[in-house]
N, C-alpha and C. Protein backbone atom coordinates (compact mmCIF):
# COMPACT_ATOMS: atom_id res chain seq x y z
N MET A 1 2.34 5.67 15.93
CA MET A 1 3.27 5.61 14.84
C MET A 1 4.72 5.74 15.34
N ARG A 2 4.88 6.54 16.38
CA ARG A 2 6.22 6.69 16.96
C ARG A 2 6.76 5.33 17.40
N GLU A 3 5.92 4.57 18.08
CA GLU A 3 6.34 3.27 18.60
C GLU A 3 6.69 2.31 17.47
N LEU A 4 5.91 2.37 16.41
CA LEU A 4 6.16 1.51 15.25
C LEU A 4 7.54 1.80 14.65
N LEU A 5 7.87 3.07 14.50
CA LEU A 5 9.18 3.44 13.97
C LEU A 5 10.29 2.98 14.92
N LYS A 6 10.09 3.20 16.21
CA LYS A 6 11.10 2.79 17.20
C LYS A 6 11.28 1.27 17.21
N GLU A 7 10.16 0.55 17.11
CA GLU A 7 10.20 -0.92 17.06
C GLU A 7 11.09 -1.43 15.94
N LYS A 8 11.02 -0.74 14.81
CA LYS A 8 11.79 -1.13 13.63
C LYS A 8 13.23 -0.62 13.70
N GLY A 9 13.53 0.16 14.74
CA GLY A 9 14.88 0.70 14.88
C GLY A 9 15.11 1.96 14.07
N TYR A 10 14.03 2.61 13.63
CA TYR A 10 14.15 3.82 12.83
C TYR A 10 14.08 5.05 13.72
N LYS A 11 14.80 6.07 13.32
CA LYS A 11 14.75 7.36 13.99
C LYS A 11 13.36 7.97 13.75
N VAL A 12 12.80 8.55 14.78
CA VAL A 12 11.49 9.20 14.66
C VAL A 12 11.72 10.63 14.18
N THR A 13 11.29 10.91 12.96
CA THR A 13 11.45 12.26 12.41
C THR A 13 10.08 12.84 12.08
N HIS A 14 10.06 14.16 11.94
CA HIS A 14 8.82 14.85 11.59
C HIS A 14 8.29 14.33 10.25
N ALA A 15 9.18 14.17 9.27
CA ALA A 15 8.75 13.71 7.94
C ALA A 15 8.15 12.31 7.99
N ARG A 16 8.79 11.42 8.70
CA ARG A 16 8.28 10.04 8.79
C ARG A 16 6.92 10.00 9.47
N LEU A 17 6.78 10.76 10.54
CA LEU A 17 5.49 10.79 11.24
C LEU A 17 4.40 11.40 10.35
N ALA A 18 4.73 12.48 9.64
CA ALA A 18 3.75 13.13 8.77
C ALA A 18 3.31 12.20 7.65
N ILE A 19 4.25 11.48 7.06
CA ILE A 19 3.93 10.55 5.97
C ILE A 19 3.09 9.39 6.49
N LEU A 20 3.44 8.85 7.63
CA LEU A 20 2.64 7.76 8.20
C LEU A 20 1.24 8.22 8.57
N GLU A 21 1.12 9.46 9.02
CA GLU A 21 -0.21 10.00 9.36
C GLU A 21 -1.08 10.07 8.10
N ILE A 22 -0.50 10.47 6.99
CA ILE A 22 -1.24 10.52 5.73
C ILE A 22 -1.74 9.13 5.36
N PHE A 23 -0.88 8.14 5.48
CA PHE A 23 -1.30 6.77 5.15
C PHE A 23 -2.36 6.26 6.12
N SER A 24 -2.27 6.63 7.38
CA SER A 24 -3.25 6.15 8.36
C SER A 24 -4.64 6.74 8.10
N LYS A 25 -4.70 7.89 7.44
CA LYS A 25 -5.98 8.53 7.14
C LYS A 25 -6.51 8.18 5.75
N SER A 26 -5.64 7.63 4.90
CA SER A 26 -6.02 7.35 3.52
C SER A 26 -6.85 6.07 3.42
N LYS A 27 -7.85 6.11 2.57
CA LYS A 27 -8.70 4.93 2.37
C LYS A 27 -8.25 4.11 1.17
N SER A 28 -7.25 4.60 0.45
CA SER A 28 -6.74 3.85 -0.70
C SER A 28 -5.23 4.06 -0.83
N PRO A 29 -4.56 3.19 -1.57
CA PRO A 29 -3.12 3.32 -1.75
C PRO A 29 -2.73 4.65 -2.40
N LEU A 30 -1.53 5.12 -2.10
CA LEU A 30 -1.05 6.41 -2.58
C LEU A 30 0.29 6.28 -3.29
N THR A 31 0.53 7.18 -4.23
CA THR A 31 1.84 7.29 -4.87
C THR A 31 2.68 8.29 -4.08
N ALA A 32 3.97 8.34 -4.39
CA ALA A 32 4.84 9.33 -3.76
C ALA A 32 4.34 10.74 -4.09
N GLU A 33 3.91 10.93 -5.32
CA GLU A 33 3.39 12.23 -5.72
C GLU A 33 2.14 12.59 -4.92
N GLY A 34 1.27 11.60 -4.70
CA GLY A 34 0.07 11.83 -3.91
C GLY A 34 0.39 12.18 -2.47
N VAL A 35 1.37 11.51 -1.90
CA VAL A 35 1.80 11.80 -0.53
C VAL A 35 2.36 13.21 -0.45
N HIS A 36 3.21 13.57 -1.41
CA HIS A 36 3.82 14.90 -1.42
C HIS A 36 2.74 15.98 -1.55
N LYS A 37 1.76 15.74 -2.39
CA LYS A 37 0.65 16.68 -2.57
C LYS A 37 -0.11 16.87 -1.25
N GLU A 38 -0.37 15.77 -0.54
CA GLU A 38 -1.05 15.85 0.75
C GLU A 38 -0.22 16.62 1.78
N LEU A 39 1.09 16.40 1.77
CA LEU A 39 1.97 17.11 2.70
C LEU A 39 1.90 18.61 2.47
N LYS A 40 1.82 19.03 1.23
CA LYS A 40 1.80 20.45 0.88
C LYS A 40 0.53 21.16 1.38
N ARG A 41 -0.50 20.40 1.69
CA ARG A 41 -1.76 20.99 2.16
C ARG A 41 -1.65 21.56 3.57
N THR A 42 -0.66 21.09 4.32
CA THR A 42 -0.50 21.51 5.72
C THR A 42 0.74 22.37 5.85
N GLU A 43 0.59 23.52 6.46
CA GLU A 43 1.70 24.48 6.63
C GLU A 43 2.94 23.84 7.24
N LYS A 44 2.75 23.05 8.30
CA LYS A 44 3.91 22.49 9.02
C LYS A 44 4.65 21.42 8.22
N ASN A 45 4.03 20.92 7.14
CA ASN A 45 4.66 19.86 6.34
C ASN A 45 5.16 20.33 4.98
N ARG A 46 4.99 21.61 4.68
CA ARG A 46 5.34 22.11 3.35
C ARG A 46 6.83 22.03 3.04
N ASP A 47 7.65 21.96 4.07
CA ASP A 47 9.10 21.93 3.84
C ASP A 47 9.62 20.52 3.53
N ILE A 48 8.76 19.51 3.59
CA ILE A 48 9.17 18.13 3.28
C ILE A 48 9.19 17.98 1.76
N ASN A 49 10.39 17.78 1.20
CA ASN A 49 10.51 17.75 -0.26
C ASN A 49 10.23 16.35 -0.82
N GLU A 50 10.12 16.30 -2.14
CA GLU A 50 9.76 15.06 -2.82
C GLU A 50 10.82 13.97 -2.64
N ALA A 51 12.09 14.37 -2.62
CA ALA A 51 13.16 13.38 -2.43
C ALA A 51 13.04 12.71 -1.07
N THR A 52 12.68 13.48 -0.05
CA THR A 52 12.47 12.92 1.29
C THR A 52 11.31 11.94 1.28
N VAL A 53 10.26 12.28 0.55
CA VAL A 53 9.10 11.38 0.45
C VAL A 53 9.53 10.05 -0.17
N TYR A 54 10.25 10.09 -1.27
CA TYR A 54 10.69 8.86 -1.94
C TYR A 54 11.59 8.02 -1.03
N ARG A 55 12.55 8.67 -0.36
CA ARG A 55 13.44 7.94 0.55
C ARG A 55 12.67 7.32 1.70
N THR A 56 11.72 8.07 2.24
CA THR A 56 10.93 7.58 3.37
C THR A 56 10.05 6.41 2.96
N LEU A 57 9.42 6.49 1.80
CA LEU A 57 8.58 5.39 1.32
C LEU A 57 9.42 4.13 1.13
N SER A 58 10.60 4.29 0.58
CA SER A 58 11.49 3.15 0.38
C SER A 58 11.89 2.52 1.72
N LEU A 59 12.23 3.35 2.68
CA LEU A 59 12.61 2.88 4.01
C LEU A 59 11.45 2.16 4.69
N LEU A 60 10.25 2.75 4.62
CA LEU A 60 9.08 2.16 5.27
C LEU A 60 8.64 0.86 4.59
N GLU A 61 8.87 0.77 3.29
CA GLU A 61 8.57 -0.49 2.60
C GLU A 61 9.59 -1.56 3.02
N GLU A 62 10.85 -1.17 3.07
CA GLU A 62 11.91 -2.09 3.48
C GLU A 62 11.65 -2.63 4.90
N GLY A 63 11.12 -1.78 5.76
CA GLY A 63 10.82 -2.17 7.14
C GLY A 63 9.46 -2.84 7.29
N LYS A 64 8.78 -3.06 6.17
CA LYS A 64 7.47 -3.74 6.15
C LYS A 64 6.39 -2.96 6.90
N ILE A 65 6.57 -1.64 6.98
CA ILE A 65 5.54 -0.77 7.55
C ILE A 65 4.55 -0.42 6.44
N LEU A 66 5.08 -0.25 5.23
CA LEU A 66 4.26 -0.02 4.04
C LEU A 66 4.41 -1.21 3.10
N THR A 67 3.41 -1.39 2.27
CA THR A 67 3.42 -2.42 1.23
C THR A 67 3.27 -1.74 -0.12
N LYS A 68 4.04 -2.19 -1.10
CA LYS A 68 3.89 -1.67 -2.46
C LYS A 68 2.79 -2.47 -3.15
N VAL A 69 1.90 -1.76 -3.84
CA VAL A 69 0.78 -2.38 -4.53
C VAL A 69 0.96 -2.16 -6.03
N ASP A 70 0.80 -3.21 -6.82
CA ASP A 70 1.00 -3.12 -8.27
C ASP A 70 -0.34 -2.93 -8.96
N PHE A 71 -0.56 -1.72 -9.47
CA PHE A 71 -1.78 -1.43 -10.20
C PHE A 71 -1.52 -1.29 -11.70
N ARG A 72 -0.41 -1.82 -12.17
CA ARG A 72 -0.02 -1.74 -13.58
C ARG A 72 0.04 -0.30 -14.07
N LYS A 73 0.51 0.57 -13.22
CA LYS A 73 0.66 1.99 -13.55
C LYS A 73 2.15 2.33 -13.56
N GLU A 74 2.49 3.49 -14.09
CA GLU A 74 3.88 3.92 -14.12
C GLU A 74 4.40 4.19 -12.71
N SER A 75 3.58 4.78 -11.87
CA SER A 75 3.99 5.11 -10.51
C SER A 75 3.68 3.96 -9.56
N ALA A 76 4.54 3.80 -8.57
CA ALA A 76 4.31 2.79 -7.53
C ALA A 76 3.29 3.33 -6.53
N PHE A 77 2.44 2.45 -6.04
CA PHE A 77 1.46 2.80 -5.02
C PHE A 77 1.84 2.10 -3.73
N PHE A 78 1.55 2.74 -2.60
CA PHE A 78 1.87 2.18 -1.29
C PHE A 78 0.66 2.28 -0.38
N GLU A 79 0.62 1.39 0.61
CA GLU A 79 -0.39 1.46 1.66
C GLU A 79 0.21 0.88 2.93
N LEU A 80 -0.43 1.17 4.06
CA LEU A 80 0.04 0.59 5.32
C LEU A 80 -0.05 -0.92 5.24
N ASN A 81 0.93 -1.58 5.79
CA ASN A 81 0.97 -3.04 5.80
C ASN A 81 0.01 -3.53 6.89
N GLN A 82 -1.20 -3.87 6.48
CA GLN A 82 -2.24 -4.28 7.42
C GLN A 82 -2.67 -5.71 7.12
N LYS A 83 -3.84 -6.03 7.58
CA LYS A 83 -4.43 -7.34 7.33
C LYS A 83 -4.46 -7.60 5.82
N HIS A 84 -4.15 -8.85 5.45
CA HIS A 84 -4.09 -9.20 4.02
C HIS A 84 -5.43 -8.94 3.33
N HIS A 85 -5.36 -8.30 2.19
CA HIS A 85 -6.56 -8.03 1.39
C HIS A 85 -6.15 -7.87 -0.07
N HIS A 86 -7.14 -7.69 -0.92
CA HIS A 86 -6.93 -7.53 -2.35
C HIS A 86 -7.57 -6.21 -2.77
N HIS A 87 -7.39 -5.86 -4.04
CA HIS A 87 -7.95 -4.61 -4.56
C HIS A 87 -8.68 -4.87 -5.86
N ILE A 88 -9.71 -4.06 -6.08
CA ILE A 88 -10.35 -4.00 -7.39
C ILE A 88 -10.29 -2.54 -7.82
N THR A 89 -9.83 -2.31 -9.05
CA THR A 89 -9.57 -0.95 -9.53
C THR A 89 -10.37 -0.69 -10.79
N CYS A 90 -10.98 0.49 -10.87
CA CYS A 90 -11.72 0.88 -12.06
C CYS A 90 -10.73 1.28 -13.15
N LEU A 91 -10.91 0.72 -14.33
CA LEU A 91 -10.02 0.99 -15.46
C LEU A 91 -10.19 2.40 -16.03
N LYS A 92 -11.33 3.04 -15.74
CA LYS A 92 -11.56 4.39 -16.27
C LYS A 92 -11.17 5.48 -15.28
N CYS A 93 -11.68 5.40 -14.06
CA CYS A 93 -11.47 6.50 -13.11
C CYS A 93 -10.42 6.20 -12.03
N ASP A 94 -9.90 4.98 -12.02
CA ASP A 94 -8.84 4.57 -11.08
C ASP A 94 -9.26 4.48 -9.61
N ILE A 95 -10.56 4.52 -9.33
CA ILE A 95 -11.00 4.34 -7.94
C ILE A 95 -10.61 2.92 -7.50
N VAL A 96 -10.21 2.78 -6.25
CA VAL A 96 -9.75 1.49 -5.73
C VAL A 96 -10.63 1.08 -4.55
N GLU A 97 -11.01 -0.19 -4.54
CA GLU A 97 -11.77 -0.73 -3.41
C GLU A 97 -11.03 -1.95 -2.87
N ASP A 98 -10.88 -1.99 -1.55
CA ASP A 98 -10.27 -3.15 -0.90
C ASP A 98 -11.33 -4.24 -0.71
N PHE A 99 -10.91 -5.50 -0.78
CA PHE A 99 -11.82 -6.59 -0.43
C PHE A 99 -11.04 -7.77 0.11
N GLU A 100 -11.72 -8.55 0.91
CA GLU A 100 -11.16 -9.80 1.45
C GLU A 100 -12.01 -10.94 0.92
N SER A 101 -11.41 -12.11 0.75
CA SER A 101 -12.16 -13.26 0.26
C SER A 101 -11.61 -14.55 0.83
N GLN A 102 -12.40 -15.19 1.66
CA GLN A 102 -12.02 -16.50 2.19
C GLN A 102 -12.00 -17.55 1.08
N VAL A 103 -12.85 -17.36 0.07
CA VAL A 103 -12.90 -18.29 -1.05
C VAL A 103 -11.56 -18.30 -1.77
N ILE A 104 -11.01 -17.13 -2.04
CA ILE A 104 -9.71 -17.04 -2.71
C ILE A 104 -8.63 -17.71 -1.87
N GLU A 105 -8.65 -17.46 -0.58
CA GLU A 105 -7.63 -18.06 0.31
C GLU A 105 -7.74 -19.59 0.30
N LYS A 106 -8.97 -20.12 0.28
CA LYS A 106 -9.16 -21.57 0.23
C LYS A 106 -8.65 -22.15 -1.09
N VAL A 107 -8.94 -21.45 -2.19
CA VAL A 107 -8.47 -21.91 -3.50
C VAL A 107 -6.94 -21.95 -3.52
N LEU A 108 -6.28 -20.97 -2.94
CA LEU A 108 -4.82 -20.96 -2.90
C LEU A 108 -4.29 -22.16 -2.12
N GLY A 109 -4.96 -22.52 -1.05
CA GLY A 109 -4.58 -23.71 -0.28
C GLY A 109 -4.71 -24.96 -1.12
N ARG A 110 -5.79 -25.04 -1.89
CA ARG A 110 -6.01 -26.18 -2.78
C ARG A 110 -4.94 -26.25 -3.87
N ILE A 111 -4.58 -25.10 -4.40
CA ILE A 111 -3.53 -25.06 -5.43
C ILE A 111 -2.23 -25.62 -4.88
N ALA A 112 -1.88 -25.22 -3.68
CA ALA A 112 -0.64 -25.72 -3.05
C ALA A 112 -0.72 -27.23 -2.82
N ARG A 113 -1.86 -27.71 -2.34
CA ARG A 113 -2.01 -29.15 -2.09
C ARG A 113 -1.94 -29.97 -3.37
N ASN A 114 -2.43 -29.41 -4.47
CA ASN A 114 -2.46 -30.13 -5.74
C ASN A 114 -1.17 -29.98 -6.55
N SER A 115 -0.28 -29.13 -6.10
CA SER A 115 0.96 -28.90 -6.83
C SER A 115 1.92 -30.07 -6.62
N SER A 116 2.62 -30.42 -7.70
CA SER A 116 3.61 -31.50 -7.58
C SER A 116 4.95 -30.97 -7.06
N ARG A 117 5.13 -29.65 -7.04
CA ARG A 117 6.41 -29.08 -6.63
C ARG A 117 6.34 -28.17 -5.41
N PHE A 118 5.17 -27.70 -5.05
CA PHE A 118 5.06 -26.75 -3.94
C PHE A 118 4.19 -27.32 -2.84
N ASN A 119 4.63 -27.13 -1.60
CA ASN A 119 3.86 -27.59 -0.45
C ASN A 119 2.98 -26.49 0.14
N SER A 120 3.40 -25.26 -0.07
CA SER A 120 2.64 -24.15 0.49
C SER A 120 2.86 -22.88 -0.31
N ILE A 121 1.96 -21.95 -0.14
CA ILE A 121 2.08 -20.63 -0.75
C ILE A 121 2.34 -19.66 0.39
N LYS A 122 3.44 -18.96 0.34
CA LYS A 122 3.83 -18.04 1.42
C LYS A 122 3.25 -16.65 1.25
N GLU A 123 3.12 -16.21 0.02
CA GLU A 123 2.51 -14.90 -0.22
C GLU A 123 1.94 -14.87 -1.63
N HIS A 124 1.02 -13.94 -1.85
CA HIS A 124 0.44 -13.77 -3.17
C HIS A 124 -0.11 -12.36 -3.29
N SER A 125 -0.39 -11.98 -4.52
CA SER A 125 -0.97 -10.67 -4.79
C SER A 125 -2.04 -10.86 -5.84
N LEU A 126 -3.21 -10.32 -5.59
CA LEU A 126 -4.30 -10.42 -6.54
C LEU A 126 -4.90 -9.04 -6.72
N GLU A 127 -4.82 -8.52 -7.91
CA GLU A 127 -5.38 -7.22 -8.23
C GLU A 127 -6.40 -7.42 -9.34
N LEU A 128 -7.62 -6.99 -9.12
CA LEU A 128 -8.68 -7.12 -10.12
C LEU A 128 -8.94 -5.76 -10.76
N PHE A 129 -9.29 -5.76 -12.04
CA PHE A 129 -9.55 -4.53 -12.76
C PHE A 129 -10.89 -4.65 -13.46
N GLY A 130 -11.70 -3.61 -13.37
CA GLY A 130 -13.02 -3.62 -13.98
C GLY A 130 -13.53 -2.21 -14.13
N LEU A 131 -14.85 -2.07 -14.21
CA LEU A 131 -15.48 -0.76 -14.31
C LEU A 131 -16.41 -0.57 -13.12
N CYS A 132 -16.28 0.55 -12.44
CA CYS A 132 -17.15 0.84 -11.30
C CYS A 132 -18.54 1.23 -11.81
N GLU A 133 -19.48 1.34 -10.89
CA GLU A 133 -20.86 1.68 -11.26
C GLU A 133 -20.95 3.01 -12.00
N SER A 134 -20.15 3.98 -11.59
CA SER A 134 -20.19 5.31 -12.22
C SER A 134 -19.68 5.31 -13.65
N CYS A 135 -18.78 4.37 -13.96
CA CYS A 135 -18.13 4.35 -15.28
C CYS A 135 -18.76 3.38 -16.27
N THR A 136 -19.74 2.57 -15.83
CA THR A 136 -20.35 1.62 -16.76
C THR A 136 -21.50 2.24 -17.50
């Protein structure tokens, strides 16, 4: 994580490393509040305040280290900027599952080829919402 921050030209700070460590261990996207709550669990990170978390998330998103995910919620969710994938979210319990689909990627290529105005699709976001097995 140190190298990643240095690569982007960012100063390596305790707060930035602690926040990135939380994201590297998380299996699903997190809000600023969720990150702050995780920081409070560890004695050495308790002094990192919520304002620092918000500033750091904004900086890491700007540097494309984190990606903002839209779950149609009031709070913004973030995750490490990794291999492209999509999410399916339970409408009742908010559990999130990542998935990849070559079929979706092929359909997007077809959409671009069939468009009268666009030659290619540079980026997209697909978020699915449903009910998990526990909530049905």
